[in-house]
Amino acid sequence: MTSDPVEVTDDSKTVTVRKDEYGKGVITIEISRPENRNALNDQVRSELRTAVTAVDDSDARVVVLTGDGSGGAFVAGADIQDFRNRDVNEQRRAGDSPRVYEAIADLNQPAIARINGHALGGGCELTLACDIRIAVRDAKIGLPEITLGLMPGGGATQRLPRIVGDGKARELIFTGEPITTTEAARIGLVNDVVPADELDDRVADVAGTMAEHSAIALRFAKRACNVAYSTPLDEGVEHERELFHGLFATGEKNEGIDAFFEDRDPEWEW
């Protein structure tokens, strides 16, 4: 795979993209609106979609999504003022696809949510769109939309039950009560919880380990996992088999096996 620079619009005010911060081949996308605790408004969503599209088309192997730490939150939710000023038709237009949640979920690369603060509402839904979630110990995660006379609208009613089970998902959605990241780890909502001063090391460890592998193998594996969301078991297994067979046409399989027998690190073409 040829190396392509990650390009985003120069006038992006709320989203930054950095290369190799957590290892070679790892791209970091950071939401930065600290004065509003990184809350999602139309500008953030638009700039985040632009950044995700640019990364999706790049040679990155892994993506890390995080929030500006000075805001005290990963993403504190949607900008509620936006909702207050919209009627149903305006909200339908604002919510037209492609939405940022699906753009993240459909990334070619595995995505890690670096949860460096509270992840509430739309912020929680951003983490659900990622493949792996690593959180600091003193953060909270939740879906408070019901307390505003609303409900989750960024995919939580569909993704959360698949991650934590139907009963616990309904409890979190219907009560609107946030939970600690320690509790989130217990129910499988996050993969790991660490002290704040260990967060970057843990993210770098996970992202760096994944980025050592063949990019095309990572992409095929993610594609197979995503299919499990939307197809019956037998169709998903058939799709996985076809993707597995497809890797035999890339040359990566031979390099990986040769490196194993020669006791060396593989040199991936992809």
C-alpha atoms as a PDB file:
ATOM      1  CA  MET A   1       0.000   0.000   0.000  1.00  0.00           C
ATOM      2  CA  THR A   2       1.374   3.403  -0.895  1.00  0.00           C
ATOM      3  CA  SER A   3       1.667   6.074   1.761  1.00  0.00           C
ATOM      4  CA  ASP A   4      -0.890   8.862   1.408  1.00  0.00           C
ATOM      5  CA  PRO A   5      -0.935  11.975   3.593  1.00  0.00           C
ATOM      6  CA  VAL A   6      -3.968  12.537   5.753  1.00  0.00           C
ATOM      7  CA  GLU A   7      -5.536  15.756   4.538  1.00  0.00           C
ATOM      8  CA  VAL A   8      -8.400  17.622   6.168  1.00  0.00           C
ATOM      9  CA  THR A   9      -9.738  21.059   5.419  1.00  0.00           C
ATOM     10  CA  ASP A  10      -7.475  23.887   6.572  1.00  0.00           C
ATOM     11  CA  ASP A  11     -10.385  25.755   8.118  1.00  0.00           C
ATOM     12  CA  SER A  12     -11.307  22.968  10.563  1.00  0.00           C
ATOM     13  CA  LYS A  13     -11.858  24.631  13.922  1.00  0.00           C
ATOM     14  CA  THR A  14     -12.979  21.774  16.141  1.00  0.00           C
ATOM     15  CA  VAL A  15     -11.254  18.612  14.886  1.00  0.00           C
ATOM     16  CA  THR A  16      -7.555  17.853  14.507  1.00  0.00           C
ATOM     17  CA  VAL A  17      -5.833  14.842  12.971  1.00  0.00           C
ATOM     18  CA  ARG A  18      -2.385  13.654  14.065  1.00  0.00           C
ATOM     19  CA  LYS A  19      -0.204  10.860  12.703  1.00  0.00           C
ATOM     20  CA  ASP A  20       1.838   8.274  14.616  1.00  0.00           C
ATOM     21  CA  GLU A  21       1.038   9.678  18.078  1.00  0.00           C
ATOM     22  CA  TYR A  22       0.317   6.183  19.421  1.00  0.00           C
ATOM     23  CA  GLY A  23       2.559   4.250  17.068  1.00  0.00           C
ATOM     24  CA  LYS A  24       3.439   4.020  13.414  1.00  0.00           C
ATOM     25  CA  GLY A  25       0.334   3.695  11.278  1.00  0.00           C
ATOM     26  CA  VAL A  26      -1.950   5.027  14.034  1.00  0.00           C
ATOM     27  CA  ILE A  27      -4.033   8.139  13.334  1.00  0.00           C
ATOM     28  CA  THR A  28      -5.519  10.237  16.147  1.00  0.00           C
ATOM     29  CA  ILE A  29      -8.705  12.242  15.580  1.00  0.00           C
ATOM     30  CA  GLU A  30      -9.364  14.736  18.375  1.00  0.00           C
ATOM     31  CA  ILE A  31     -12.551  16.707  18.971  1.00  0.00           C
ATOM     32  CA  SER A  32     -11.676  20.092  20.456  1.00  0.00           C
ATOM     33  CA  ARG A  33     -14.428  22.346  21.716  1.00  0.00           C
ATOM     34  CA  PRO A  34     -13.299  22.577  25.329  1.00  0.00           C
ATOM     35  CA  GLU A  35     -15.387  25.601  26.262  1.00  0.00           C
ATOM     36  CA  ASN A  36     -18.455  23.387  25.664  1.00  0.00           C
ATOM     37  CA  ARG A  37     -16.881  20.158  26.970  1.00  0.00           C
ATOM     38  CA  ASN A  38     -16.472  18.993  23.370  1.00  0.00           C
ATOM     39  CA  ALA A  39     -20.238  18.908  22.851  1.00  0.00           C
ATOM     40  CA  LEU A  40     -21.379  17.941  19.364  1.00  0.00           C
ATOM     41  CA  ASN A  41     -22.901  20.688  17.240  1.00  0.00           C
ATOM     42  CA  ASP A  42     -23.370  20.872  13.476  1.00  0.00           C
ATOM     43  CA  GLN A  43     -19.852  22.223  12.957  1.00  0.00           C
ATOM     44  CA  VAL A  44     -18.218  19.440  14.975  1.00  0.00           C
ATOM     45  CA  ARG A  45     -20.231  16.777  13.178  1.00  0.00           C
ATOM     46  CA  SER A  46     -19.364  18.186   9.764  1.00  0.00           C
ATOM     47  CA  GLU A  47     -15.655  18.537  10.507  1.00  0.00           C
ATOM     48  CA  LEU A  48     -15.541  15.119  12.150  1.00  0.00           C
ATOM     49  CA  ARG A  49     -17.135  13.507   9.077  1.00  0.00           C
ATOM     50  CA  THR A  50     -14.540  15.237   6.874  1.00  0.00           C
ATOM     51  CA  ALA A  51     -11.693  13.970   9.052  1.00  0.00           C
ATOM     52  CA  VAL A  52     -13.070  10.430   9.188  1.00  0.00           C
ATOM     53  CA  THR A  53     -13.453  10.339   5.390  1.00  0.00           C
ATOM     54  CA  ALA A  54      -9.859  11.487   4.932  1.00  0.00           C
ATOM     55  CA  VAL A  55      -8.564   8.854   7.344  1.00  0.00           C
ATOM     56  CA  ASP A  56     -10.722   6.140   5.811  1.00  0.00           C
ATOM     57  CA  ASP A  57      -9.025   6.740   2.437  1.00  0.00           C
ATOM     58  CA  SER A  58      -5.502   6.795   3.922  1.00  0.00           C
ATOM     59  CA  ASP A  59      -2.970   4.067   4.660  1.00  0.00           C
ATOM     60  CA  ALA A  60      -3.610   4.249   8.411  1.00  0.00           C
ATOM     61  CA  ARG A  61      -3.907   0.897  10.134  1.00  0.00           C
ATOM     62  CA  VAL A  62      -5.640   2.031  13.341  1.00  0.00           C
ATOM     63  CA  VAL A  63      -7.666   5.102  14.366  1.00  0.00           C
ATOM     64  CA  VAL A  64      -7.848   6.621  17.854  1.00  0.00           C
ATOM     65  CA  LEU A  65     -10.827   8.901  18.573  1.00  0.00           C
ATOM     66  CA  THR A  66     -10.592  11.202  21.583  1.00  0.00           C
ATOM     67  CA  GLY A  67     -11.589  14.562  23.032  1.00  0.00           C
ATOM     68  CA  ASP A  68      -9.600  17.617  23.999  1.00  0.00           C
ATOM     69  CA  GLY A  69      -8.628  16.883  27.596  1.00  0.00           C
ATOM     70  CA  SER A  70      -8.828  20.497  28.715  1.00  0.00           C
ATOM     71  CA  GLY A  71     -12.611  20.309  28.394  1.00  0.00           C
ATOM     72  CA  GLY A  72     -12.897  17.723  31.159  1.00  0.00           C
ATOM     73  CA  ALA A  73     -14.797  15.371  28.882  1.00  0.00           C
ATOM     74  CA  PHE A  74     -14.389  12.975  25.994  1.00  0.00           C
ATOM     75  CA  VAL A  75     -17.612  14.357  24.527  1.00  0.00           C
ATOM     76  CA  ALA A  76     -20.281  15.605  26.938  1.00  0.00           C
ATOM     77  CA  GLY A  77     -23.091  14.989  24.457  1.00  0.00           C
ATOM     78  CA  ALA A  78     -24.903  16.985  21.828  1.00  0.00           C
ATOM     79  CA  ASP A  79     -25.266  20.734  22.015  1.00  0.00           C
ATOM     80  CA  ILE A  80     -28.725  20.877  23.592  1.00  0.00           C
ATOM     81  CA  GLN A  81     -29.362  24.399  22.330  1.00  0.00           C
ATOM     82  CA  ASP A  82     -29.334  23.024  18.779  1.00  0.00           C
ATOM     83  CA  PHE A  83     -32.163  20.652  19.688  1.00  0.00           C
ATOM     84  CA  ARG A  84     -34.194  23.360  21.441  1.00  0.00           C
ATOM     85  CA  ASN A  85     -34.295  25.496  18.308  1.00  0.00           C
ATOM     86  CA  ARG A  86     -35.326  22.780  15.820  1.00  0.00           C
ATOM     87  CA  ASP A  87     -38.668  21.423  14.749  1.00  0.00           C
ATOM     88  CA  VAL A  88     -39.172  17.895  13.428  1.00  0.00           C
ATOM     89  CA  ASN A  89     -38.399  18.717   9.797  1.00  0.00           C
ATOM     90  CA  GLU A  90     -35.240  20.639  10.705  1.00  0.00           C
ATOM     91  CA  GLN A  91     -34.060  17.716  12.810  1.00  0.00           C
ATOM     92  CA  ARG A  92     -34.746  15.272   9.983  1.00  0.00           C
ATOM     93  CA  ARG A  93     -32.627  17.386   7.641  1.00  0.00           C
ATOM     94  CA  ALA A  94     -29.864  17.677  10.256  1.00  0.00           C
ATOM     95  CA  GLY A  95     -29.910  13.917  10.777  1.00  0.00           C
ATOM     96  CA  ASP A  96     -29.760  12.924   7.138  1.00  0.00           C
ATOM     97  CA  SER A  97     -27.076  10.377   6.295  1.00  0.00           C
ATOM     98  CA  PRO A  98     -24.152  10.117   6.136  1.00  0.00           C
ATOM     99  CA  ARG A  99     -24.011  10.525   9.893  1.00  0.00           C
ATOM    100  CA  VAL A 100     -20.785  10.634  11.830  1.00  0.00           C
ATOM    101  CA  TYR A 101     -21.683   7.557  13.911  1.00  0.00           C
ATOM    102  CA  GLU A 102     -22.013   5.329  10.864  1.00  0.00           C
ATOM    103  CA  ALA A 103     -18.925   6.902   9.280  1.00  0.00           C
ATOM    104  CA  ILE A 104     -16.876   5.846  12.311  1.00  0.00           C
ATOM    105  CA  ALA A 105     -18.457   2.400  12.545  1.00  0.00           C
ATOM    106  CA  ASP A 106     -17.794   1.802   8.845  1.00  0.00           C
ATOM    107  CA  LEU A 107     -14.167   2.962   8.887  1.00  0.00           C
ATOM    108  CA  ASN A 108     -11.820   0.591   7.081  1.00  0.00           C
ATOM    109  CA  GLN A 109      -9.558   0.692  10.127  1.00  0.00           C
ATOM    110  CA  PRO A 110     -10.282  -0.561  13.647  1.00  0.00           C
ATOM    111  CA  ALA A 111     -11.168   2.425  15.843  1.00  0.00           C
ATOM    112  CA  ILE A 112     -10.271   2.878  19.503  1.00  0.00           C
ATOM    113  CA  ALA A 113     -12.237   5.297  21.680  1.00  0.00           C
ATOM    114  CA  ARG A 114      -9.758   6.977  24.047  1.00  0.00           C
ATOM    115  CA  ILE A 115     -12.269   8.011  26.702  1.00  0.00           C
ATOM    116  CA  ASN A 116     -10.377  10.664  28.643  1.00  0.00           C
ATOM    117  CA  GLY A 117     -13.438  12.114  30.371  1.00  0.00           C
ATOM    118  CA  HIS A 118     -17.220  11.904  30.564  1.00  0.00           C
ATOM    119  CA  ALA A 119     -18.897  10.342  27.518  1.00  0.00           C
ATOM    120  CA  LEU A 120     -22.572  11.226  27.627  1.00  0.00           C
ATOM    121  CA  GLY A 121     -25.383  11.116  25.089  1.00  0.00           C
ATOM    122  CA  GLY A 122     -23.879  11.548  21.634  1.00  0.00           C
ATOM    123  CA  GLY A 123     -20.439  11.130  23.193  1.00  0.00           C
ATOM    124  CA  CYS A 124     -21.411   7.687  24.456  1.00  0.00           C
ATOM    125  CA  GLU A 125     -22.788   6.898  21.007  1.00  0.00           C
ATOM    126  CA  LEU A 126     -19.468   7.881  19.407  1.00  0.00           C
ATOM    127  CA  THR A 127     -17.715   5.350  21.644  1.00  0.00           C
ATOM    128  CA  LEU A 128     -20.274   2.689  20.701  1.00  0.00           C
ATOM    129  CA  ALA A 129     -19.405   3.249  17.037  1.00  0.00           C
ATOM    130  CA  CYS A 130     -15.766   2.421  17.810  1.00  0.00           C
ATOM    131  CA  ASP A 131     -14.420  -1.115  17.988  1.00  0.00           C
ATOM    132  CA  ILE A 132     -12.551  -0.855  21.296  1.00  0.00           C
ATOM    133  CA  ARG A 133     -13.108   1.464  24.261  1.00  0.00           C
ATOM    134  CA  ILE A 134     -10.398   2.387  26.773  1.00  0.00           C
ATOM    135  CA  ALA A 135     -11.409   4.767  29.565  1.00  0.00           C
ATOM    136  CA  VAL A 136      -9.990   6.675  32.491  1.00  0.00           C
ATOM    137  CA  ARG A 137     -11.146   5.555  35.916  1.00  0.00           C
ATOM    138  CA  ASP A 138     -12.856   8.794  37.019  1.00  0.00           C
ATOM    139  CA  ALA A 139     -15.097   9.271  33.970  1.00  0.00           C
ATOM    140  CA  LYS A 140     -18.774   8.496  33.592  1.00  0.00           C
ATOM    141  CA  ILE A 141     -20.671   7.083  30.635  1.00  0.00           C
ATOM    142  CA  GLY A 142     -24.376   7.394  30.023  1.00  0.00           C
ATOM    143  CA  LEU A 143     -27.358   8.228  27.851  1.00  0.00           C
ATOM    144  CA  PRO A 144     -29.300  11.046  29.547  1.00  0.00           C
ATOM    145  CA  GLU A 145     -31.552  11.867  26.572  1.00  0.00           C
ATOM    146  CA  ILE A 146     -34.667  10.445  28.294  1.00  0.00           C
ATOM    147  CA  THR A 147     -34.352  13.121  31.009  1.00  0.00           C
ATOM    148  CA  LEU A 148     -34.849  15.777  28.308  1.00  0.00           C
ATOM    149  CA  GLY A 149     -37.958  14.195  26.841  1.00  0.00           C
ATOM    150  CA  LEU A 150     -35.871  12.627  24.086  1.00  0.00           C
ATOM    151  CA  MET A 151     -34.218   9.277  23.369  1.00  0.00           C
ATOM    152  CA  PRO A 152     -30.850   8.266  21.911  1.00  0.00           C
ATOM    153  CA  GLY A 153     -30.695   9.039  18.203  1.00  0.00           C
ATOM    154  CA  GLY A 154     -27.122   8.137  17.259  1.00  0.00           C
ATOM    155  CA  GLY A 155     -27.447   4.366  17.249  1.00  0.00           C
ATOM    156  CA  ALA A 156     -27.351   3.548  20.976  1.00  0.00           C
ATOM    157  CA  THR A 157     -30.667   1.663  21.012  1.00  0.00           C
ATOM    158  CA  GLN A 158     -29.189  -0.694  18.395  1.00  0.00           C
ATOM    159  CA  ARG A 159     -25.484  -0.901  19.283  1.00  0.00           C
ATOM    160  CA  LEU A 160     -25.669  -0.905  23.082  1.00  0.00           C
ATOM    161  CA  PRO A 161     -27.819  -4.084  23.422  1.00  0.00           C
ATOM    162  CA  ARG A 162     -25.351  -5.933  21.203  1.00  0.00           C
ATOM    163  CA  ILE A 163     -22.515  -4.943  23.519  1.00  0.00           C
ATOM    164  CA  VAL A 164     -23.974  -5.210  27.028  1.00  0.00           C
ATOM    165  CA  GLY A 165     -27.138  -7.247  26.503  1.00  0.00           C
ATOM    166  CA  ASP A 166     -30.757  -6.203  26.145  1.00  0.00           C
ATOM    167  CA  GLY A 167     -31.701  -5.811  29.791  1.00  0.00           C
ATOM    168  CA  LYS A 168     -28.776  -3.652  30.853  1.00  0.00           C
ATOM    169  CA  ALA A 169     -29.090  -1.543  27.690  1.00  0.00           C
ATOM    170  CA  ARG A 170     -32.755  -0.847  28.423  1.00  0.00           C
ATOM    171  CA  GLU A 171     -31.885   0.123  31.995  1.00  0.00           C
ATOM    172  CA  LEU A 172     -29.276   2.641  30.867  1.00  0.00           C
ATOM    173  CA  ILE A 173     -31.514   4.075  28.144  1.00  0.00           C
ATOM    174  CA  PHE A 174     -34.761   4.219  30.170  1.00  0.00           C
ATOM    175  CA  THR A 175     -33.286   5.625  33.406  1.00  0.00           C
ATOM    176  CA  GLY A 176     -30.833   8.058  31.812  1.00  0.00           C
ATOM    177  CA  GLU A 177     -28.505   7.446  34.770  1.00  0.00           C
ATOM    178  CA  PRO A 178     -24.755   7.512  33.998  1.00  0.00           C
ATOM    179  CA  ILE A 179     -22.452   4.807  35.277  1.00  0.00           C
ATOM    180  CA  THR A 180     -18.801   4.840  36.267  1.00  0.00           C
ATOM    181  CA  THR A 181     -16.245   3.457  33.864  1.00  0.00           C
ATOM    182  CA  THR A 182     -15.509   0.735  36.428  1.00  0.00           C
ATOM    183  CA  GLU A 183     -19.129  -0.409  36.149  1.00  0.00           C
ATOM    184  CA  ALA A 184     -18.948   0.034  32.379  1.00  0.00           C
ATOM    185  CA  ALA A 185     -15.999  -2.359  32.284  1.00  0.00           C
ATOM    186  CA  ARG A 186     -17.876  -4.886  34.440  1.00  0.00           C
ATOM    187  CA  ILE A 187     -20.783  -5.040  31.982  1.00  0.00           C
ATOM    188  CA  GLY A 188     -18.529  -5.045  28.904  1.00  0.00           C
ATOM    189  CA  LEU A 189     -19.280  -1.501  27.752  1.00  0.00           C
ATOM    190  CA  VAL A 190     -15.590  -0.594  27.870  1.00  0.00           C
ATOM    191  CA  ASN A 191     -12.652  -2.921  27.314  1.00  0.00           C
ATOM    192  CA  ASP A 192     -10.292  -1.444  29.880  1.00  0.00           C
ATOM    193  CA  VAL A 193     -10.212   1.177  32.649  1.00  0.00           C
ATOM    194  CA  VAL A 194      -6.945   2.783  33.757  1.00  0.00           C
ATOM    195  CA  PRO A 195      -5.793   5.734  35.866  1.00  0.00           C
ATOM    196  CA  ALA A 196      -5.548   8.971  33.896  1.00  0.00           C
ATOM    197  CA  ASP A 197      -1.747   8.926  33.924  1.00  0.00           C
ATOM    198  CA  GLU A 198      -1.751   5.460  32.332  1.00  0.00           C
ATOM    199  CA  LEU A 199      -4.298   6.130  29.597  1.00  0.00           C
ATOM    200  CA  ASP A 200      -1.852   7.065  26.836  1.00  0.00           C
ATOM    201  CA  ASP A 201       0.409   4.101  27.559  1.00  0.00           C
ATOM    202  CA  ARG A 202      -2.525   1.692  27.415  1.00  0.00           C
ATOM    203  CA  VAL A 203      -3.903   3.202  24.195  1.00  0.00           C
ATOM    204  CA  ALA A 204      -0.435   3.097  22.633  1.00  0.00           C
ATOM    205  CA  ASP A 205      -0.031  -0.538  23.692  1.00  0.00           C
ATOM    206  CA  VAL A 206      -3.324  -1.651  22.138  1.00  0.00           C
ATOM    207  CA  ALA A 207      -3.125   0.545  19.039  1.00  0.00           C
ATOM    208  CA  GLY A 208       0.548  -0.233  18.457  1.00  0.00           C
ATOM    209  CA  THR A 209      -0.025  -3.973  18.724  1.00  0.00           C
ATOM    210  CA  MET A 210      -2.842  -3.844  16.183  1.00  0.00           C
ATOM    211  CA  ALA A 211      -0.875  -1.569  13.842  1.00  0.00           C
ATOM    212  CA  GLU A 212       1.919  -4.147  13.638  1.00  0.00           C
ATOM    213  CA  HIS A 213      -0.393  -6.395  11.635  1.00  0.00           C
ATOM    214  CA  SER A 214      -1.276  -6.418   7.947  1.00  0.00           C
ATOM    215  CA  ALA A 215      -3.590  -3.530   7.102  1.00  0.00           C
ATOM    216  CA  ILE A 216      -5.666  -5.582   4.690  1.00  0.00           C
ATOM    217  CA  ALA A 217      -6.044  -8.399   7.212  1.00  0.00           C
ATOM    218  CA  LEU A 218      -7.218  -5.874   9.808  1.00  0.00           C
ATOM    219  CA  ARG A 219      -9.694  -4.402   7.336  1.00  0.00           C
ATOM    220  CA  PHE A 220     -11.104  -7.776   6.355  1.00  0.00           C
ATOM    221  CA  ALA A 221     -11.385  -8.840   9.998  1.00  0.00           C
ATOM    222  CA  LYS A 222     -13.259  -5.647  10.881  1.00  0.00           C
ATOM    223  CA  ARG A 223     -15.544  -6.070   7.888  1.00  0.00           C
ATOM    224  CA  ALA A 224     -16.401  -9.585   9.026  1.00  0.00           C
ATOM    225  CA  CYS A 225     -17.113  -8.415  12.579  1.00  0.00           C
ATOM    226  CA  ASN A 226     -19.381  -5.627  11.290  1.00  0.00           C
ATOM    227  CA  VAL A 227     -21.375  -8.105   9.213  1.00  0.00           C
ATOM    228  CA  ALA A 228     -22.301  -9.912  12.441  1.00  0.00           C
ATOM    229  CA  TYR A 229     -24.458  -6.892  13.358  1.00  0.00           C
ATOM    230  CA  SER A 230     -26.763  -7.197  10.383  1.00  0.00           C
ATOM    231  CA  THR A 231     -26.935 -10.801   9.164  1.00  0.00           C
ATOM    232  CA  PRO A 232     -28.015 -14.197  10.468  1.00  0.00           C
ATOM    233  CA  LEU A 233     -25.252 -16.467  11.726  1.00  0.00           C
ATOM    234  CA  ASP A 234     -25.071 -18.686   8.640  1.00  0.00           C
ATOM    235  CA  GLU A 235     -24.784 -15.682   6.293  1.00  0.00           C
ATOM    236  CA  GLY A 236     -22.150 -14.092   8.515  1.00  0.00           C
ATOM    237  CA  VAL A 237     -20.078 -17.268   8.588  1.00  0.00           C
ATOM    238  CA  GLU A 238     -20.248 -17.480   4.784  1.00  0.00           C
ATOM    239  CA  HIS A 239     -19.148 -13.848   4.480  1.00  0.00           C
ATOM    240  CA  GLU A 240     -16.257 -14.489   6.870  1.00  0.00           C
ATOM    241  CA  ARG A 241     -15.191 -17.490   4.810  1.00  0.00           C
ATOM    242  CA  GLU A 242     -15.097 -15.445   1.609  1.00  0.00           C
ATOM    243  CA  LEU A 243     -13.020 -12.726   3.262  1.00  0.00           C
ATOM    244  CA  PHE A 244     -10.660 -15.356   4.665  1.00  0.00           C
ATOM    245  CA  HIS A 245     -10.234 -16.875   1.218  1.00  0.00           C
ATOM    246  CA  GLY A 246      -9.623 -13.430  -0.256  1.00  0.00           C
ATOM    247  CA  LEU A 247      -6.547 -12.944   1.915  1.00  0.00           C
ATOM    248  CA  PHE A 248      -4.900 -15.871   0.093  1.00  0.00           C
ATOM    249  CA  ALA A 249      -4.728 -13.647  -3.001  1.00  0.00           C
ATOM    250  CA  THR A 250      -2.776 -10.837  -1.338  1.00  0.00           C
ATOM    251  CA  GLY A 251       0.654 -12.313  -0.623  1.00  0.00           C
ATOM    252  CA  GLU A 252       0.337 -11.258   3.008  1.00  0.00           C
ATOM    253  CA  LYS A 253      -0.484 -14.816   4.004  1.00  0.00           C
ATOM    254  CA  ASN A 254       2.844 -16.103   2.632  1.00  0.00           C
ATOM    255  CA  GLU A 255       4.821 -13.308   4.277  1.00  0.00           C
ATOM    256  CA  GLY A 256       3.161 -13.899   7.637  1.00  0.00           C
ATOM    257  CA  ILE A 257       3.756 -17.648   7.557  1.00  0.00           C
ATOM    258  CA  ASP A 258       7.331 -17.291   6.288  1.00  0.00           C
ATOM    259  CA  ALA A 259       8.107 -14.791   9.050  1.00  0.00           C
ATOM    260  CA  PHE A 260       6.684 -17.201  11.615  1.00  0.00           C
ATOM    261  CA  PHE A 261       8.883 -20.074  10.487  1.00  0.00           C
ATOM    262  CA  GLU A 262      11.948 -17.817  10.116  1.00  0.00           C
ATOM    263  CA  ASP A 263      11.415 -16.316  13.576  1.00  0.00           C
ATOM    264  CA  ARG A 264      11.379 -12.695  12.346  1.00  0.00           C
ATOM    265  CA  ASP A 265       8.980  -9.778  12.135  1.00  0.00           C
ATOM    266  CA  PRO A 266       6.849  -9.789   8.972  1.00  0.00           C
ATOM    267  CA  GLU A 267       7.344  -7.068   6.379  1.00  0.00           C
ATOM    268  CA  TRP A 268       3.845  -6.322   5.223  1.00  0.00           C
ATOM    269  CA  GLU A 269       3.134  -4.971   1.756  1.00  0.00           C
ATOM    270  CA  TRP A 270      -0.214  -3.694   3.058  1.00  0.00           C
END
